Amino acid sequence: MDLATLLFWIVAVILVGSALLVVGLNNIVHSALALVVVFAMAAGIYLLANAEFIAIVQILIYAGAVTILILFALMLTRTVNIQTNSNPINKYWWLGVIISALVGATILFAVTVSPHFVTPASSALGYSAHNSTCPLPPNNVVYIGNLLYSPTCYSYVLPFEIASVVLLVAIIGAIVIGREEE
């Protein structure tokens, strides 16, 4: 077993354990904190798959912004008895177990005996390990940066800047709406 496989299994076990804690803990604040661990371990899986940009986005957007939003929503709502039992167990938990078992069996079938199984020699980008005319980019972040800001081919600078202006207008609008309520 090589180091990448060992790291994958460590991260996967922590990810599954944290996901079970998210749905199994009675305190909803603790569930939200376990969700941070789930998002961080998913970013670890992305790093092991050489998808550095997606891992960074996973940490920034999900583990940072979405989880903080969830925690603020939990803290700002006036729920009674949030400390003891704020995440009651659903009476249909057995249906979730059946559906999860079916999804797991389908994944195992797809990975082991399905005729549509993708061989490891090909990748999602259409590159092949045996194709020397089309080499893989050295780094995903560098490749995405070249696509965004390349001076030689069509770049996505204008759509990127338009999206940043739209986000700036949304932030200013939220500040204005928040100031009017005071």
Protein backbone atom coordinates (compact mmCIF):
# COMPACT_ATOMS: atom_id res chain seq x y z
CA MET A 1 0.00 0.00 0.00
CA ASP A 2 1.50 3.31 -1.05
CA LEU A 3 1.23 6.62 0.79
CA ALA A 4 -1.56 8.04 -1.40
CA THR A 5 -3.75 5.00 -0.77
CA LEU A 6 -3.09 5.14 2.96
CA LEU A 7 -3.94 8.86 3.05
CA PHE A 8 -7.10 8.22 1.05
CA TRP A 9 -8.33 5.60 3.50
CA ILE A 10 -7.53 7.80 6.51
CA VAL A 11 -9.35 10.79 4.99
CA ALA A 12 -12.27 8.60 3.83
CA VAL A 13 -12.78 7.06 7.27
CA ILE A 14 -12.72 10.49 8.93
CA LEU A 15 -15.11 11.82 6.27
CA VAL A 16 -17.64 9.02 6.72
CA GLY A 17 -17.37 9.21 10.52
CA SER A 18 -17.93 12.96 10.46
CA ALA A 19 -20.87 12.58 8.08
CA LEU A 20 -22.44 10.10 10.49
CA LEU A 21 -21.88 12.58 13.32
CA VAL A 22 -23.61 15.32 11.29
CA VAL A 23 -26.80 13.30 11.06
CA GLY A 24 -26.49 11.50 14.38
CA LEU A 25 -25.67 14.16 16.98
CA ASN A 26 -28.53 15.57 19.05
CA ASN A 27 -27.03 19.06 19.36
CA ILE A 28 -27.38 20.89 16.05
CA VAL A 29 -24.40 23.17 16.74
CA HIS A 30 -22.18 20.12 17.15
CA SER A 31 -23.64 18.75 13.91
CA ALA A 32 -22.69 21.97 12.12
CA LEU A 33 -19.15 21.74 13.48
CA ALA A 34 -18.90 18.14 12.30
CA LEU A 35 -19.98 19.45 8.90
CA VAL A 36 -16.80 21.57 8.83
CA VAL A 37 -14.78 18.36 9.18
CA VAL A 38 -16.78 16.75 6.35
CA PHE A 39 -16.02 19.68 4.05
CA ALA A 40 -12.33 19.66 5.01
CA MET A 41 -12.01 15.93 4.36
CA ALA A 42 -13.74 16.33 1.00
CA ALA A 43 -11.09 18.91 0.16
CA GLY A 44 -8.48 16.34 1.17
CA ILE A 45 -9.98 13.87 -1.30
CA TYR A 46 -9.80 16.54 -4.01
CA LEU A 47 -6.14 17.14 -3.18
CA LEU A 48 -5.43 13.43 -3.51
CA ALA A 49 -7.11 13.51 -6.93
CA ASN A 50 -4.79 16.38 -8.02
CA ALA A 51 -7.65 18.89 -8.13
CA GLU A 52 -6.01 21.64 -6.13
CA PHE A 53 -8.31 24.42 -7.30
CA ILE A 54 -11.46 22.51 -6.35
CA ALA A 55 -9.92 21.73 -2.94
CA ILE A 56 -9.21 25.42 -2.35
CA VAL A 57 -12.72 26.37 -3.41
CA GLN A 58 -14.13 23.63 -1.17
CA ILE A 59 -12.32 25.05 1.85
CA LEU A 60 -13.10 28.70 1.09
CA ILE A 61 -16.72 28.38 0.03
CA TYR A 62 -18.08 25.39 1.93
CA ALA A 63 -15.92 25.01 5.03
CA GLY A 64 -15.67 28.77 5.38
CA ALA A 65 -18.66 30.65 4.09
CA VAL A 66 -21.47 28.08 4.08
CA THR A 67 -20.67 26.69 7.51
CA ILE A 68 -20.35 30.14 9.03
CA LEU A 69 -23.68 31.05 7.45
CA ILE A 70 -25.27 27.94 8.97
CA LEU A 71 -23.77 28.68 12.39
CA PHE A 72 -24.94 32.32 12.28
CA ALA A 73 -28.43 31.18 11.28
CA LEU A 74 -28.47 28.74 14.19
CA MET A 75 -27.18 31.26 16.69
CA LEU A 76 -29.43 34.12 15.56
CA THR A 77 -32.64 32.13 15.58
CA ARG A 78 -34.27 32.00 18.96
CA THR A 79 -34.72 28.27 19.33
CA VAL A 80 -35.70 27.06 22.74
CA ASN A 81 -33.60 24.35 24.35
CA ILE A 82 -30.79 24.46 21.75
CA GLN A 83 -28.30 22.93 24.17
CA THR A 84 -30.01 19.64 24.93
CA ASN A 85 -31.95 18.18 22.00
CA SER A 86 -32.10 20.46 19.00
CA ASN A 87 -31.75 17.74 16.36
CA PRO A 88 -34.40 15.11 17.09
CA ILE A 89 -34.20 11.69 15.49
CA ASN A 90 -36.60 11.28 12.61
CA LYS A 91 -39.09 8.43 12.87
CA TYR A 92 -38.29 7.44 9.27
CA TRP A 93 -34.60 6.72 9.90
CA TRP A 94 -35.01 3.17 8.61
CA LEU A 95 -35.98 4.52 5.16
CA GLY A 96 -32.73 6.48 5.05
CA VAL A 97 -30.79 3.30 5.88
CA ILE A 98 -32.49 1.39 3.05
CA ILE A 99 -31.88 4.16 0.52
CA SER A 100 -28.25 4.50 1.62
CA ALA A 101 -27.73 0.75 1.28
CA LEU A 102 -29.20 0.81 -2.24
CA VAL A 103 -26.97 3.73 -3.26
CA GLY A 104 -23.93 1.96 -1.80
CA ALA A 105 -24.77 -1.28 -3.63
CA THR A 106 -25.17 0.65 -6.88
CA ILE A 107 -21.78 2.29 -6.45
CA LEU A 108 -20.15 -1.06 -5.69
CA PHE A 109 -21.77 -2.55 -8.79
CA ALA A 110 -20.59 0.36 -10.93
CA VAL A 111 -17.02 0.08 -9.69
CA THR A 112 -16.66 -3.69 -9.85
CA VAL A 113 -18.77 -5.40 -12.51
CA SER A 114 -20.31 -2.68 -14.67
CA PRO A 115 -19.30 -2.74 -18.36
CA HIS A 116 -19.22 1.07 -18.30
CA PHE A 117 -16.37 1.21 -15.80
CA VAL A 118 -13.75 3.79 -16.83
CA THR A 119 -10.22 2.46 -17.05
CA PRO A 120 -7.53 4.31 -15.10
CA ALA A 121 -5.53 5.05 -18.29
CA SER A 122 -7.96 7.77 -19.38
CA SER A 123 -8.91 10.89 -17.52
CA ALA A 124 -11.84 13.23 -17.43
CA LEU A 125 -10.01 15.87 -19.49
CA GLY A 126 -9.48 13.55 -22.42
CA TYR A 127 -5.78 13.23 -21.81
CA SER A 128 -4.08 9.88 -21.83
CA ALA A 129 -0.96 8.76 -20.05
CA HIS A 130 0.35 7.28 -23.32
CA ASN A 131 -0.34 10.37 -25.42
CA SER A 132 2.82 12.50 -25.53
CA THR A 133 1.41 15.08 -28.00
CA CYS A 134 -1.08 16.37 -25.45
CA PRO A 135 0.66 16.45 -22.05
CA LEU A 136 -1.16 17.16 -18.84
CA PRO A 137 -0.81 20.68 -17.43
CA PRO A 138 1.71 20.87 -14.59
CA ASN A 139 -0.82 22.22 -12.12
CA ASN A 140 -4.59 22.68 -12.20
CA VAL A 141 -4.40 26.15 -10.66
CA VAL A 142 -1.87 27.27 -13.28
CA TYR A 143 -4.02 25.81 -16.05
CA ILE A 144 -7.16 27.55 -14.80
CA GLY A 145 -5.20 30.80 -14.41
CA ASN A 146 -4.00 30.53 -18.01
CA LEU A 147 -7.59 30.00 -19.15
CA LEU A 148 -8.77 33.03 -17.21
CA TYR A 149 -6.03 35.52 -18.09
CA SER A 150 -4.25 34.25 -21.19
CA PRO A 151 -3.15 37.05 -23.54
CA THR A 152 -2.66 34.64 -26.47
CA CYS A 153 -6.06 32.95 -26.68
CA TYR A 154 -9.59 33.84 -25.67
CA SER A 155 -9.61 34.57 -22.00
CA TYR A 156 -12.43 34.83 -19.54
CA VAL A 157 -11.32 38.14 -18.03
CA LEU A 158 -14.44 40.08 -19.02
CA PRO A 159 -16.97 37.53 -17.61
CA PHE A 160 -14.81 37.20 -14.49
CA GLU A 161 -14.79 40.97 -13.96
CA ILE A 162 -18.53 41.23 -14.62
CA ALA A 163 -19.16 38.56 -11.97
CA SER A 164 -16.98 40.50 -9.49
CA VAL A 165 -18.93 43.73 -10.15
CA VAL A 166 -22.23 41.87 -9.62
CA LEU A 167 -20.95 40.50 -6.30
CA LEU A 168 -19.77 43.97 -5.28
CA VAL A 169 -23.22 45.42 -6.02
CA ALA A 170 -24.82 42.60 -3.97
CA ILE A 171 -22.55 43.35 -1.00
CA ILE A 172 -23.26 47.08 -1.18
CA GLY A 173 -27.00 46.32 -1.43
CA ALA A 174 -26.83 44.09 1.65
CA ILE A 175 -25.03 46.83 3.59
CA VAL A 176 -27.64 49.41 2.56
CA ILE A 177 -30.52 47.12 3.53
CA GLY A 178 -28.84 46.32 6.84
CA ARG A 179 -28.25 50.00 7.63
CA GLU A 180 -31.91 50.89 6.96
CA GLU A 181 -33.11 48.45 9.63
CA GLU A 182 -31.12 50.10 12.41
